[in-house]
Amino acid sequence: MQKRKTRALLPVGIFVIAMAQIVNHYAVLPDSIHGALMGAGIGLMALSFIRGKFNTANKA
């Protein structure tokens, strides 16, 4: 996976989790759908961290 695509997974995962919480607040979702959305968001965030391997320090 490219670095650019990997960086996009983190905000998308956060967005999916946030939207699941907002929709669940205003409309009653079945637990299975709510759990699937939360799992997808967490999975995207985890994939971002696992595949990312971002360099935070300069290699001298």
Protein backbone atom coordinates (compact mmCIF):
# COMPACT_ATOMS: atom_id res chain seq x y z
CA MET A 1 0.00 0.00 0.00
CA GLN A 2 1.32 3.43 -0.83
CA LYS A 3 2.25 5.87 1.90
CA ARG A 4 -0.32 8.37 0.64
CA LYS A 5 -3.14 5.83 0.83
CA THR A 6 -2.00 4.67 4.24
CA ARG A 7 -2.12 8.22 5.58
CA ALA A 8 -5.70 8.54 4.38
CA LEU A 9 -6.84 5.50 6.38
CA LEU A 10 -6.45 7.14 9.78
CA PRO A 11 -8.84 10.08 9.21
CA VAL A 12 -11.27 7.80 7.36
CA GLY A 13 -11.32 5.41 10.32
CA ILE A 14 -11.89 8.26 12.75
CA PHE A 15 -14.68 9.59 10.51
CA VAL A 16 -16.41 6.19 10.36
CA ILE A 17 -16.35 5.87 14.15
CA ALA A 18 -17.59 9.44 14.63
CA MET A 19 -20.43 8.98 12.14
CA ALA A 20 -21.46 5.72 13.80
CA GLN A 21 -21.67 7.51 17.15
CA ILE A 22 -23.61 10.46 15.73
CA VAL A 23 -26.10 8.29 13.85
CA ASN A 24 -26.55 6.08 16.89
CA HIS A 25 -27.29 9.15 19.01
CA TYR A 26 -30.09 10.44 16.77
CA ALA A 27 -31.46 7.17 15.36
CA VAL A 28 -31.66 3.73 16.87
CA LEU A 29 -29.28 1.37 15.09
CA PRO A 30 -29.26 -2.36 15.65
CA ASP A 31 -26.30 -3.46 17.71
CA SER A 32 -24.93 -5.52 14.83
CA ILE A 33 -24.76 -2.51 12.48
CA HIS A 34 -23.32 -0.25 15.16
CA GLY A 35 -20.72 -2.86 16.03
CA ALA A 36 -19.83 -3.41 12.38
CA LEU A 37 -19.29 0.32 11.83
CA MET A 38 -17.17 0.62 14.97
CA GLY A 39 -15.16 -2.46 13.97
CA ALA A 40 -14.58 -1.11 10.48
CA GLY A 41 -13.37 2.22 11.89
CA ILE A 42 -11.04 0.57 14.36
CA GLY A 43 -9.79 -1.78 11.65
CA LEU A 44 -8.98 1.11 9.33
CA MET A 45 -7.13 2.92 12.09
CA ALA A 46 -5.18 -0.22 13.03
CA LEU A 47 -4.31 -0.85 9.38
CA SER A 48 -3.03 2.70 9.15
CA PHE A 49 -0.73 2.19 12.12
CA ILE A 50 0.47 -1.27 11.04
CA ARG A 51 1.13 -0.45 7.39
CA GLY A 52 2.18 3.16 7.96
CA LYS A 53 5.64 2.86 9.47
CA PHE A 54 5.99 6.62 9.35
CA ASN A 55 9.41 8.02 10.11
CA THR A 56 9.15 10.52 12.93
CA ALA A 57 12.86 11.24 13.25
CA ASN A 58 15.38 12.15 10.62
CA LYS A 59 17.96 9.50 9.90
CA ALA A 60 21.40 11.07 10.13
